[in-house]
PDB file of N, CA and C in Angstrom:
ATOM      1  N   MET A   1     -18.394  10.048 -10.274  1.00  0.00           N
ATOM      2  CA  MET A   1     -17.312   9.471  -9.496  1.00  0.00           C
ATOM      3  C   MET A   1     -16.512  10.604  -8.839  1.00  0.00           C
ATOM      4  N   LYS A   2     -15.901  10.265  -7.699  1.00  0.00           N
ATOM      5  CA  LYS A   2     -15.057  11.229  -7.007  1.00  0.00           C
ATOM      6  C   LYS A   2     -13.829  10.519  -6.460  1.00  0.00           C
ATOM      7  N   LYS A   3     -12.786  11.298  -6.186  1.00  0.00           N
ATOM      8  CA  LYS A   3     -11.549  10.755  -5.630  1.00  0.00           C
ATOM      9  C   LYS A   3     -11.570  10.880  -4.113  1.00  0.00           C
ATOM     10  N   VAL A   4     -11.111   9.809  -3.461  1.00  0.00           N
ATOM     11  CA  VAL A   4     -10.922   9.832  -2.012  1.00  0.00           C
ATOM     12  C   VAL A   4      -9.608   9.114  -1.692  1.00  0.00           C
ATOM     13  N   PRO A   5      -8.995   9.425  -0.569  1.00  0.00           N
ATOM     14  CA  PRO A   5      -7.800   8.668  -0.174  1.00  0.00           C
ATOM     15  C   PRO A   5      -8.173   7.218   0.135  1.00  0.00           C
ATOM     16  N   LEU A   6      -7.295   6.313  -0.178  1.00  0.00           N
ATOM     17  CA  LEU A   6      -7.501   4.894   0.116  1.00  0.00           C
ATOM     18  C   LEU A   6      -7.843   4.673   1.587  1.00  0.00           C
ATOM     19  N   ALA A   7      -7.379   5.542   2.466  1.00  0.00           N
ATOM     20  CA  ALA A   7      -7.656   5.427   3.905  1.00  0.00           C
ATOM     21  C   ALA A   7      -9.155   5.436   4.208  1.00  0.00           C
ATOM     22  N   HIS A   8      -9.967   5.986   3.317  1.00  0.00           N
ATOM     23  CA  HIS A   8     -11.416   5.978   3.524  1.00  0.00           C
ATOM     24  C   HIS A   8     -11.993   4.584   3.313  1.00  0.00           C
ATOM     25  N   LEU A   9     -11.261   3.722   2.610  1.00  0.00           N
ATOM     26  CA  LEU A   9     -11.742   2.381   2.304  1.00  0.00           C
ATOM     27  C   LEU A   9     -10.979   1.277   3.013  1.00  0.00           C
ATOM     28  N   ALA A  10      -9.795   1.587   3.538  1.00  0.00           N
ATOM     29  CA  ALA A  10      -8.933   0.530   4.069  1.00  0.00           C
ATOM     30  C   ALA A  10      -8.104   1.021   5.250  1.00  0.00           C
ATOM     31  N   HIS A  11      -7.566   0.054   5.955  1.00  0.00           N
ATOM     32  CA  HIS A  11      -6.559   0.330   6.977  1.00  0.00           C
ATOM     33  C   HIS A  11      -5.371  -0.566   6.654  1.00  0.00           C
ATOM     34  N   GLY A  12      -4.219  -0.301   7.244  1.00  0.00           N
ATOM     35  CA  GLY A  12      -3.045  -1.071   6.858  1.00  0.00           C
ATOM     36  C   GLY A  12      -1.990  -1.167   7.932  1.00  0.00           C
ATOM     37  N   ARG A  13      -1.055  -2.059   7.677  1.00  0.00           N
ATOM     38  CA  ARG A  13       0.125  -2.265   8.532  1.00  0.00           C
ATOM     39  C   ARG A  13       1.299  -2.524   7.615  1.00  0.00           C
ATOM     40  N   SER A  14       2.468  -2.173   8.065  1.00  0.00           N
ATOM     41  CA  SER A  14       3.652  -2.449   7.252  1.00  0.00           C
ATOM     42  C   SER A  14       4.860  -2.693   8.145  1.00  0.00           C
ATOM     43  N   GLY A  15       5.863  -3.275   7.546  1.00  0.00           N
ATOM     44  CA  GLY A  15       7.099  -3.556   8.260  1.00  0.00           C
ATOM     45  C   GLY A  15       8.205  -3.805   7.264  1.00  0.00           C
ATOM     46  N   ASP A  16       9.370  -4.146   7.763  1.00  0.00           N
ATOM     47  CA  ASP A  16      10.501  -4.331   6.871  1.00  0.00           C
ATOM     48  C   ASP A  16      11.326  -5.534   7.273  1.00  0.00           C
ATOM     49  N   LYS A  17      12.007  -6.063   6.294  1.00  0.00           N
ATOM     50  CA  LYS A  17      12.981  -7.130   6.485  1.00  0.00           C
ATOM     51  C   LYS A  17      14.048  -6.908   5.434  1.00  0.00           C
ATOM     52  N   GLY A  18      15.216  -6.505   5.876  1.00  0.00           N
ATOM     53  CA  GLY A  18      16.276  -6.183   4.919  1.00  0.00           C
ATOM     54  C   GLY A  18      15.865  -4.993   4.062  1.00  0.00           C
ATOM     55  N   ASP A  19      15.934  -5.167   2.760  1.00  0.00           N
ATOM     56  CA  ASP A  19      15.613  -4.097   1.817  1.00  0.00           C
ATOM     57  C   ASP A  19      14.222  -4.280   1.205  1.00  0.00           C
ATOM     58  N   ILE A  20      13.382  -5.065   1.872  1.00  0.00           N
ATOM     59  CA  ILE A  20      12.019  -5.326   1.387  1.00  0.00           C
ATOM     60  C   ILE A  20      11.019  -4.775   2.388  1.00  0.00           C
ATOM     61  N   CYS A  21      10.046  -4.035   1.875  1.00  0.00           N
ATOM     62  CA  CYS A  21       8.961  -3.537   2.717  1.00  0.00           C
ATOM     63  C   CYS A  21       7.725  -4.387   2.448  1.00  0.00           C
ATOM     64  N   ASN A  22       7.107  -4.837   3.499  1.00  0.00           N
ATOM     65  CA  ASN A  22       5.862  -5.593   3.435  1.00  0.00           C
ATOM     66  C   ASN A  22       4.748  -4.638   3.844  1.00  0.00           C
ATOM     67  N   CYS A  23       3.781  -4.429   2.964  1.00  0.00           N
ATOM     68  CA  CYS A  23       2.715  -3.466   3.218  1.00  0.00           C
ATOM     69  C   CYS A  23       1.371  -4.151   2.968  1.00  0.00           C
ATOM     70  N   ALA A  24       0.577  -4.314   4.016  1.00  0.00           N
ATOM     71  CA  ALA A  24      -0.720  -4.976   3.895  1.00  0.00           C
ATOM     72  C   ALA A  24      -1.842  -3.968   4.123  1.00  0.00           C
ATOM     73  N   ILE A  25      -2.878  -4.062   3.303  1.00  0.00           N
ATOM     74  CA  ILE A  25      -4.062  -3.233   3.497  1.00  0.00           C
ATOM     75  C   ILE A  25      -5.287  -4.133   3.513  1.00  0.00           C
ATOM     76  N   PHE A  26      -6.282  -3.717   4.286  1.00  0.00           N
ATOM     77  CA  PHE A  26      -7.510  -4.484   4.442  1.00  0.00           C
ATOM     78  C   PHE A  26      -8.706  -3.560   4.296  1.00  0.00           C
ATOM     79  N   ALA A  27      -9.680  -3.994   3.504  1.00  0.00           N
ATOM     80  CA  ALA A  27     -10.878  -3.199   3.285  1.00  0.00           C
ATOM     81  C   ALA A  27     -11.635  -3.012   4.599  1.00  0.00           C
ATOM     82  N   ARG A  28     -12.106  -1.807   4.831  1.00  0.00           N
ATOM     83  CA  ARG A  28     -12.884  -1.516   6.046  1.00  0.00           C
ATOM     84  C   ARG A  28     -14.237  -2.217   6.009  1.00  0.00           C
ATOM     85  N   LYS A  29     -14.766  -2.426   4.799  1.00  0.00           N
ATOM     86  CA  LYS A  29     -16.021  -3.151   4.598  1.00  0.00           C
ATOM     87  C   LYS A  29     -15.830  -4.102   3.426  1.00  0.00           C
ATOM     88  N   PRO A  30     -16.450  -5.285   3.464  1.00  0.00           N
ATOM     89  CA  PRO A  30     -16.287  -6.226   2.350  1.00  0.00           C
ATOM     90  C   PRO A  30     -16.619  -5.626   0.988  1.00  0.00           C
ATOM     91  N   ASP A  31     -17.576  -4.706   0.946  1.00  0.00           N
ATOM     92  CA  ASP A  31     -17.957  -4.084  -0.329  1.00  0.00           C
ATOM     93  C   ASP A  31     -16.826  -3.278  -0.955  1.00  0.00           C
ATOM     94  N   TYR A  32     -15.874  -2.836  -0.166  1.00  0.00           N
ATOM     95  CA  TYR A  32     -14.774  -2.016  -0.673  1.00  0.00           C
ATOM     96  C   TYR A  32     -13.688  -2.856  -1.351  1.00  0.00           C
ATOM     97  N   TYR A  33     -13.710  -4.152  -1.118  1.00  0.00           N
ATOM     98  CA  TYR A  33     -12.665  -5.024  -1.651  1.00  0.00           C
ATOM     99  C   TYR A  33     -12.553  -4.905  -3.173  1.00  0.00           C
ATOM    100  N   LYS A  34     -13.683  -4.904  -3.863  1.00  0.00           N
ATOM    101  CA  LYS A  34     -13.670  -4.862  -5.327  1.00  0.00           C
ATOM    102  C   LYS A  34     -13.045  -3.558  -5.837  1.00  0.00           C
ATOM    103  N   ILE A  35     -13.361  -2.442  -5.206  1.00  0.00           N
ATOM    104  CA  ILE A  35     -12.787  -1.154  -5.613  1.00  0.00           C
ATOM    105  C   ILE A  35     -11.267  -1.199  -5.469  1.00  0.00           C
ATOM    106  N   ILE A  36     -10.816  -1.706  -4.324  1.00  0.00           N
ATOM    107  CA  ILE A  36      -9.376  -1.786  -4.076  1.00  0.00           C
ATOM    108  C   ILE A  36      -8.729  -2.762  -5.057  1.00  0.00           C
ATOM    109  N   TYR A  37      -9.374  -3.910  -5.268  1.00  0.00           N
ATOM    110  CA  TYR A  37      -8.857  -4.922  -6.192  1.00  0.00           C
ATOM    111  C   TYR A  37      -8.604  -4.335  -7.578  1.00  0.00           C
ATOM    112  N   GLU A  38      -9.553  -3.539  -8.056  1.00  0.00           N
ATOM    113  CA  GLU A  38      -9.464  -2.995  -9.405  1.00  0.00           C
ATOM    114  C   GLU A  38      -8.485  -1.828  -9.523  1.00  0.00           C
ATOM    115  N   GLN A  39      -8.335  -1.042  -8.468  1.00  0.00           N
ATOM    116  CA  GLN A  39      -7.576   0.203  -8.597  1.00  0.00           C
ATOM    117  C   GLN A  39      -6.195   0.206  -7.937  1.00  0.00           C
ATOM    118  N   VAL A  40      -5.992  -0.600  -6.924  1.00  0.00           N
ATOM    119  CA  VAL A  40      -4.714  -0.582  -6.215  1.00  0.00           C
ATOM    120  C   VAL A  40      -3.869  -1.762  -6.708  1.00  0.00           C
ATOM    121  N   THR A  41      -3.322  -1.566  -7.879  1.00  0.00           N
ATOM    122  CA  THR A  41      -2.519  -2.601  -8.524  1.00  0.00           C
ATOM    123  C   THR A  41      -1.053  -2.461  -8.114  1.00  0.00           C
ATOM    124  N   ALA A  42      -0.282  -3.479  -8.394  1.00  0.00           N
ATOM    125  CA  ALA A  42       1.155  -3.411  -8.118  1.00  0.00           C
ATOM    126  C   ALA A  42       1.783  -2.239  -8.879  1.00  0.00           C
ATOM    127  N   LYS A  43       1.344  -2.020 -10.101  1.00  0.00           N
ATOM    128  CA  LYS A  43       1.874  -0.920 -10.913  1.00  0.00           C
ATOM    129  C   LYS A  43       1.576   0.430 -10.269  1.00  0.00           C
ATOM    130  N   ARG A  44       0.337   0.618  -9.797  1.00  0.00           N
ATOM    131  CA  ARG A  44      -0.014   1.896  -9.163  1.00  0.00           C
ATOM    132  C   ARG A  44       0.746   2.110  -7.865  1.00  0.00           C
ATOM    133  N   VAL A  45       0.937   1.041  -7.112  1.00  0.00           N
ATOM    134  CA  VAL A  45       1.694   1.162  -5.857  1.00  0.00           C
ATOM    135  C   VAL A  45       3.130   1.556  -6.166  1.00  0.00           C
ATOM    136  N   LYS A  46       3.720   0.935  -7.176  1.00  0.00           N
ATOM    137  CA  LYS A  46       5.088   1.278  -7.586  1.00  0.00           C
ATOM    138  C   LYS A  46       5.171   2.751  -7.987  1.00  0.00           C
ATOM    139  N   GLU A  47       4.208   3.213  -8.781  1.00  0.00           N
ATOM    140  CA  GLU A  47       4.183   4.618  -9.201  1.00  0.00           C
ATOM    141  C   GLU A  47       3.987   5.545  -8.005  1.00  0.00           C
ATOM    142  N   HIS A  48       3.147   5.137  -7.065  1.00  0.00           N
ATOM    143  CA  HIS A  48       2.859   5.958  -5.890  1.00  0.00           C
ATOM    144  C   HIS A  48       4.118   6.200  -5.055  1.00  0.00           C
ATOM    145  N   PHE A  49       4.945   5.188  -4.915  1.00  0.00           N
ATOM    146  CA  PHE A  49       6.150   5.320  -4.108  1.00  0.00           C
ATOM    147  C   PHE A  49       7.335   5.898  -4.888  1.00  0.00           C
ATOM    148  N   GLY A  50       7.215   5.959  -6.191  1.00  0.00           N
ATOM    149  CA  GLY A  50       8.243   6.605  -7.017  1.00  0.00           C
ATOM    150  C   GLY A  50       9.641   6.095  -6.726  1.00  0.00           C
ATOM    151  N   ASP A  51      10.573   7.006  -6.496  1.00  0.00           N
ATOM    152  CA  ASP A  51      11.981   6.653  -6.285  1.00  0.00           C
ATOM    153  C   ASP A  51      12.248   5.914  -4.977  1.00  0.00           C
ATOM    154  N   PHE A  52      11.278   5.880  -4.086  1.00  0.00           N
ATOM    155  CA  PHE A  52      11.482   5.142  -2.836  1.00  0.00           C
ATOM    156  C   PHE A  52      11.492   3.638  -3.062  1.00  0.00           C
ATOM    157  N   CYS A  53      10.900   3.175  -4.150  1.00  0.00           N
ATOM    158  CA  CYS A  53      10.883   1.741  -4.456  1.00  0.00           C
ATOM    159  C   CYS A  53      11.598   1.527  -5.780  1.00  0.00           C
ATOM    160  N   LYS A  54      12.807   1.020  -5.709  1.00  0.00           N
ATOM    161  CA  LYS A  54      13.610   0.837  -6.911  1.00  0.00           C
ATOM    162  C   LYS A  54      13.393  -0.530  -7.573  1.00  0.00           C
ATOM    163  N   GLY A  55      12.814  -1.475  -6.854  1.00  0.00           N
ATOM    164  CA  GLY A  55      12.606  -2.822  -7.387  1.00  0.00           C
ATOM    165  C   GLY A  55      11.150  -3.087  -7.739  1.00  0.00           C
ATOM    166  N   GLU A  56      10.874  -4.351  -7.954  1.00  0.00           N
ATOM    167  CA  GLU A  56       9.542  -4.806  -8.330  1.00  0.00           C
ATOM    168  C   GLU A  56       8.581  -4.723  -7.139  1.00  0.00           C
ATOM    169  N   VAL A  57       7.316  -4.432  -7.432  1.00  0.00           N
ATOM    170  CA  VAL A  57       6.256  -4.513  -6.431  1.00  0.00           C
ATOM    171  C   VAL A  57       5.407  -5.730  -6.772  1.00  0.00           C
ATOM    172  N   GLN A  58       5.198  -6.576  -5.785  1.00  0.00           N
ATOM    173  CA  GLN A  58       4.369  -7.769  -5.963  1.00  0.00           C
ATOM    174  C   GLN A  58       3.101  -7.610  -5.117  1.00  0.00           C
ATOM    175  N   ARG A  59       1.950  -7.989  -5.672  1.00  0.00           N
ATOM    176  CA  ARG A  59       0.700  -7.945  -4.925  1.00  0.00           C
ATOM    177  C   ARG A  59       0.189  -9.361  -4.719  1.00  0.00           C
ATOM    178  N   PHE A  60      -0.195  -9.654  -3.489  1.00  0.00           N
ATOM    179  CA  PHE A  60      -0.789 -10.932  -3.146  1.00  0.00           C
ATOM    180  C   PHE A  60      -2.194 -10.650  -2.627  1.00  0.00           C
ATOM    181  N   ASP A  61      -3.189 -11.222  -3.292  1.00  0.00           N
ATOM    182  CA  ASP A  61      -4.584 -10.999  -2.921  1.00  0.00           C
ATOM    183  C   ASP A  61      -4.989 -11.933  -1.787  1.00  0.00           C
ATOM    184  N   LEU A  62      -5.729 -11.399  -0.829  1.00  0.00           N
ATOM    185  CA  LEU A  62      -6.222 -12.158   0.316  1.00  0.00           C
ATOM    186  C   LEU A  62      -7.737 -11.998   0.380  1.00  0.00           C
ATOM    187  N   PRO A  63      -8.468 -12.575  -0.590  1.00  0.00           N
ATOM    188  CA  PRO A  63      -9.905 -12.310  -0.707  1.00  0.00           C
ATOM    189  C   PRO A  63     -10.732 -12.704   0.515  1.00  0.00           C
ATOM    190  N   LYS A  64     -10.365 -13.769   1.195  1.00  0.00           N
ATOM    191  CA  LYS A  64     -11.149 -14.174   2.369  1.00  0.00           C
ATOM    192  C   LYS A  64     -10.972 -13.208   3.532  1.00  0.00           C
ATOM    193  N   LEU A  65      -9.884 -12.432   3.501  1.00  0.00           N
ATOM    194  CA  LEU A  65      -9.634 -11.425   4.534  1.00  0.00           C
ATOM    195  C   LEU A  65      -9.955 -10.015   4.032  1.00  0.00           C
ATOM    196  N   HIS A  66     -10.399  -9.927   2.772  1.00  0.00           N
ATOM    197  CA  HIS A  66     -10.680  -8.638   2.126  1.00  0.00           C
ATOM    198  C   HIS A  66      -9.445  -7.748   2.154  1.00  0.00           C
ATOM    199  N   GLY A  67      -8.304  -8.366   1.859  1.00  0.00           N
ATOM    200  CA  GLY A  67      -7.054  -7.622   1.945  1.00  0.00           C
ATOM    201  C   GLY A  67      -6.081  -7.936   0.833  1.00  0.00           C
ATOM    202  N   PHE A  68      -4.970  -7.224   0.901  1.00  0.00           N
ATOM    203  CA  PHE A  68      -3.891  -7.344  -0.080  1.00  0.00           C
ATOM    204  C   PHE A  68      -2.568  -7.187   0.644  1.00  0.00           C
ATOM    205  N   ASN A  69      -1.588  -7.918   0.200  1.00  0.00           N
ATOM    206  CA  ASN A  69      -0.240  -7.782   0.749  1.00  0.00           C
ATOM    207  C   ASN A  69       0.691  -7.401  -0.395  1.00  0.00           C
ATOM    208  N   PHE A  70       1.411  -6.320  -0.213  1.00  0.00           N
ATOM    209  CA  PHE A  70       2.353  -5.850  -1.216  1.00  0.00           C
ATOM    210  C   PHE A  70       3.772  -6.021  -0.693  1.00  0.00           C
ATOM    211  N   LEU A  71       4.640  -6.545  -1.549  1.00  0.00           N
ATOM    212  CA  LEU A  71       6.065  -6.592  -1.244  1.00  0.00           C
ATOM    213  C   LEU A  71       6.740  -5.571  -2.143  1.00  0.00           C
ATOM    214  N   LEU A  72       7.395  -4.612  -1.532  1.00  0.00           N
ATOM    215  CA  LEU A  72       8.118  -3.579  -2.259  1.00  0.00           C
ATOM    216  C   LEU A  72       9.604  -3.907  -2.150  1.00  0.00           C
ATOM    217  N   ASN A  73      10.161  -4.401  -3.230  1.00  0.00           N
ATOM    218  CA  ASN A  73      11.562  -4.810  -3.253  1.00  0.00           C
ATOM    219  C   ASN A  73      12.477  -3.613  -3.510  1.00  0.00           C
ATOM    220  N   GLN A  74      13.624  -3.619  -2.869  1.00  0.00           N
ATOM    221  CA  GLN A  74      14.605  -2.530  -2.970  1.00  0.00           C
ATOM    222  C   GLN A  74      13.941  -1.191  -2.624  1.00  0.00           C
ATOM    223  N   ALA A  75      13.205  -1.195  -1.513  1.00  0.00           N
ATOM    224  CA  ALA A  75      12.441  -0.004  -1.128  1.00  0.00           C
ATOM    225  C   ALA A  75      12.978   0.681   0.119  1.00  0.00           C
ATOM    226  N   LEU A  76      14.038   0.141   0.717  1.00  0.00           N
ATOM    227  CA  LEU A  76      14.475   0.670   2.009  1.00  0.00           C
ATOM    228  C   LEU A  76      15.932   1.116   2.013  1.00  0.00           C
ATOM    229  N   ASP A  77      16.410   1.517   0.864  1.00  0.00           N
ATOM    230  CA  ASP A  77      17.764   2.051   0.749  1.00  0.00           C
ATOM    231  C   ASP A  77      18.814   1.103   1.326  1.00  0.00           C
ATOM    232  N   GLY A  78      18.601  -0.193   1.105  1.00  0.00           N
ATOM    233  CA  GLY A  78      19.558  -1.185   1.581  1.00  0.00           C
ATOM    234  C   GLY A  78      19.165  -1.851   2.886  1.00  0.00           C
ATOM    235  N   GLY A  79      18.172  -1.330   3.590  1.00  0.00           N
ATOM    236  CA  GLY A  79      17.738  -1.913   4.862  1.00  0.00           C
ATOM    237  C   GLY A  79      18.340  -1.215   6.063  1.00  0.00           C
ATOM    238  N   GLY A  80      17.925  -1.647   7.237  1.00  0.00           N
ATOM    239  CA  GLY A  80      18.306  -0.993   8.490  1.00  0.00           C
ATOM    240  C   GLY A  80      19.789  -0.867   8.741  1.00  0.00           C
ATOM    241  N   THR A  81      20.559  -1.853   8.343  1.00  0.00           N
ATOM    242  CA  THR A  81      22.003  -1.793   8.630  1.00  0.00           C
ATOM    243  C   THR A  81      22.780  -0.998   7.584  1.00  0.00           C
ATOM    244  N   ALA A  82      22.153  -0.716   6.440  1.00  0.00           N
ATOM    245  CA  ALA A  82      22.858  -0.020   5.368  1.00  0.00           C
ATOM    246  C   ALA A  82      22.325   1.383   5.095  1.00  0.00           C
ATOM    247  N   SER A  83      21.092   1.638   5.482  1.00  0.00           N
ATOM    248  CA  SER A  83      20.436   2.888   5.125  1.00  0.00           C
ATOM    249  C   SER A  83      20.875   4.067   5.989  1.00  0.00           C
ATOM    250  N   LEU A  84      20.906   5.233   5.375  1.00  0.00           N
ATOM    251  CA  LEU A  84      21.182   6.462   6.107  1.00  0.00           C
ATOM    252  C   LEU A  84      19.888   7.191   6.471  1.00  0.00           C
ATOM    253  N   ARG A  85      18.745   6.614   6.098  1.00  0.00           N
ATOM    254  CA  ARG A  85      17.460   7.224   6.456  1.00  0.00           C
ATOM    255  C   ARG A  85      17.305   7.195   7.975  1.00  0.00           C
ATOM    256  N   ILE A  86      16.674   8.219   8.511  1.00  0.00           N
ATOM    257  CA  ILE A  86      16.528   8.279   9.966  1.00  0.00           C
ATOM    258  C   ILE A  86      15.103   8.003  10.432  1.00  0.00           C
ATOM    259  N   ASP A  87      14.252   7.523   9.536  1.00  0.00           N
ATOM    260  CA  ASP A  87      12.905   7.146   9.950  1.00  0.00           C
ATOM    261  C   ASP A  87      12.865   5.655  10.266  1.00  0.00           C
ATOM    262  N   PRO A  88      11.728   5.152  10.755  1.00  0.00           N
ATOM    263  CA  PRO A  88      11.671   3.727  11.105  1.00  0.00           C
ATOM    264  C   PRO A  88      11.510   2.796   9.896  1.00  0.00           C
ATOM    265  N   LEU A  89      12.068   3.177   8.769  1.00  0.00           N
ATOM    266  CA  LEU A  89      12.065   2.393   7.534  1.00  0.00           C
ATOM    267  C   LEU A  89      10.658   1.962   7.128  1.00  0.00           C
ATOM    268  N   GLY A  90      10.363   0.672   7.076  1.00  0.00           N
ATOM    269  CA  GLY A  90       9.111   0.188   6.519  1.00  0.00           C
ATOM    270  C   GLY A  90       7.864   0.442   7.342  1.00  0.00           C
ATOM    271  N   LYS A  91       8.020   0.841   8.579  1.00  0.00           N
ATOM    272  CA  LYS A  91       6.857   1.011   9.462  1.00  0.00           C
ATOM    273  C   LYS A  91       5.889   2.083   8.980  1.00  0.00           C
ATOM    274  N   THR A  92       6.353   3.045   8.210  1.00  0.00           N
ATOM    275  CA  THR A  92       5.493   4.154   7.792  1.00  0.00           C
ATOM    276  C   THR A  92       4.895   3.973   6.399  1.00  0.00           C
ATOM    277  N   TYR A  93       5.257   2.912   5.700  1.00  0.00           N
ATOM    278  CA  TYR A  93       4.809   2.754   4.315  1.00  0.00           C
ATOM    279  C   TYR A  93       3.303   2.540   4.184  1.00  0.00           C
ATOM    280  N   ALA A  94       2.663   1.847   5.114  1.00  0.00           N
ATOM    281  CA  ALA A  94       1.213   1.645   5.017  1.00  0.00           C
ATOM    282  C   ALA A  94       0.497   2.991   5.086  1.00  0.00           C
ATOM    283  N   ALA A  95       0.933   3.858   5.980  1.00  0.00           N
ATOM    284  CA  ALA A  95       0.321   5.184   6.079  1.00  0.00           C
ATOM    285  C   ALA A  95       0.506   5.951   4.775  1.00  0.00           C
ATOM    286  N   ALA A  96       1.666   5.825   4.166  1.00  0.00           N
ATOM    287  CA  ALA A  96       1.914   6.498   2.885  1.00  0.00           C
ATOM    288  C   ALA A  96       1.038   5.917   1.785  1.00  0.00           C
ATOM    289  N   LEU A  97       0.874   4.596   1.772  1.00  0.00           N
ATOM    290  CA  LEU A  97       0.033   3.961   0.754  1.00  0.00           C
ATOM    291  C   LEU A  97      -1.426   4.380   0.915  1.00  0.00           C
ATOM    292  N   LEU A  98      -1.881   4.562   2.134  1.00  0.00           N
ATOM    293  CA  LEU A  98      -3.277   4.938   2.366  1.00  0.00           C
ATOM    294  C   LEU A  98      -3.593   6.349   1.874  1.00  0.00           C
ATOM    295  N   ARG A  99      -2.590   7.107   1.477  1.00  0.00           N
ATOM    296  CA  ARG A  99      -2.821   8.423   0.866  1.00  0.00           C
ATOM    297  C   ARG A  99      -3.100   8.328  -0.638  1.00  0.00           C
ATOM    298  N   LEU A 100      -2.901   7.147  -1.229  1.00  0.00           N
ATOM    299  CA  LEU A 100      -3.191   6.937  -2.644  1.00  0.00           C
ATOM    300  C   LEU A 100      -4.662   7.237  -2.906  1.00  0.00           C
ATOM    301  N   GLU A 101      -4.960   7.991  -3.960  1.00  0.00           N
ATOM    302  CA  GLU A 101      -6.351   8.328  -4.266  1.00  0.00           C
ATOM    303  C   GLU A 101      -6.988   7.261  -5.139  1.00  0.00           C
ATOM    304  N   VAL A 102      -8.232   6.915  -4.800  1.00  0.00           N
ATOM    305  CA  VAL A 102      -9.020   5.966  -5.577  1.00  0.00           C
ATOM    306  C   VAL A 102     -10.345   6.621  -5.954  1.00  0.00           C
ATOM    307  N   MET A 103     -10.963   6.116  -7.003  1.00  0.00           N
ATOM    308  CA  MET A 103     -12.253   6.624  -7.466  1.00  0.00           C
ATOM    309  C   MET A 103     -13.380   5.802  -6.834  1.00  0.00           C
ATOM    310  N   VAL A 104     -14.374   6.510  -6.315  1.00  0.00           N
ATOM    311  CA  VAL A 104     -15.550   5.872  -5.716  1.00  0.00           C
ATOM    312  C   VAL A 104     -16.793   6.554  -6.263  1.00  0.00           C
ATOM    313  N   PRO A 105     -17.960   5.903  -6.164  1.00  0.00           N
ATOM    314  CA  PRO A 105     -19.195   6.557  -6.627  1.00  0.00           C
ATOM    315  C   PRO A 105     -19.444   7.851  -5.864  1.00  0.00           C
ATOM    316  N   GLU A 106     -20.071   8.784  -6.512  1.00  0.00           N
ATOM    317  CA  GLU A 106     -20.384  10.082  -5.911  1.00  0.00           C
ATOM    318  C   GLU A 106     -21.148   9.919  -4.595  1.00  0.00           C
ATOM    319  N   SER A 107     -21.928   8.860  -4.485  1.00  0.00           N
ATOM    320  CA  SER A 107     -22.742   8.619  -3.294  1.00  0.00           C
ATOM    321  C   SER A 107     -21.952   7.996  -2.131  1.00  0.00           C
ATOM    322  N   PHE A 108     -20.661   7.706  -2.361  1.00  0.00           N
ATOM    323  CA  PHE A 108     -19.842   7.062  -1.336  1.00  0.00           C
ATOM    324  C   PHE A 108     -19.779   7.910  -0.080  1.00  0.00           C
ATOM    325  N   SER A 109     -19.946   7.229   1.058  1.00  0.00           N
ATOM    326  CA  SER A 109     -19.750   7.892   2.347  1.00  0.00           C
ATOM    327  C   SER A 109     -19.235   6.849   3.310  1.00  0.00           C
ATOM    328  N   ASP A 110     -18.187   7.186   4.024  1.00  0.00           N
ATOM    329  CA  ASP A 110     -17.572   6.210   4.931  1.00  0.00           C
ATOM    330  C   ASP A 110     -18.016   6.437   6.307  1.00  0.00           C
TER     331      ASP A 110
END
């Protein structure tokens, strides 16, 4: 087995509403869905974002779309009207999530 960034298996989009970040990822190939299902849990996503996500992370499985939707609660420092962050808030979270490392077979090639 070897480690690769999740970006090798998926693509994603994210956005924000208030202090909640919505982060969706979709497997690049149907075969990758199982790997993502097993390894990209709500707990791992919460750990990956560390102090940026102070609330609960919820995962919603979208098997017919080979995807997952994560809600990161209390992840935007209060949201657009309250935050002092100068980035586009939730828009960059999918890119950050795609840096999460997952284990794939040694023979994996994207």
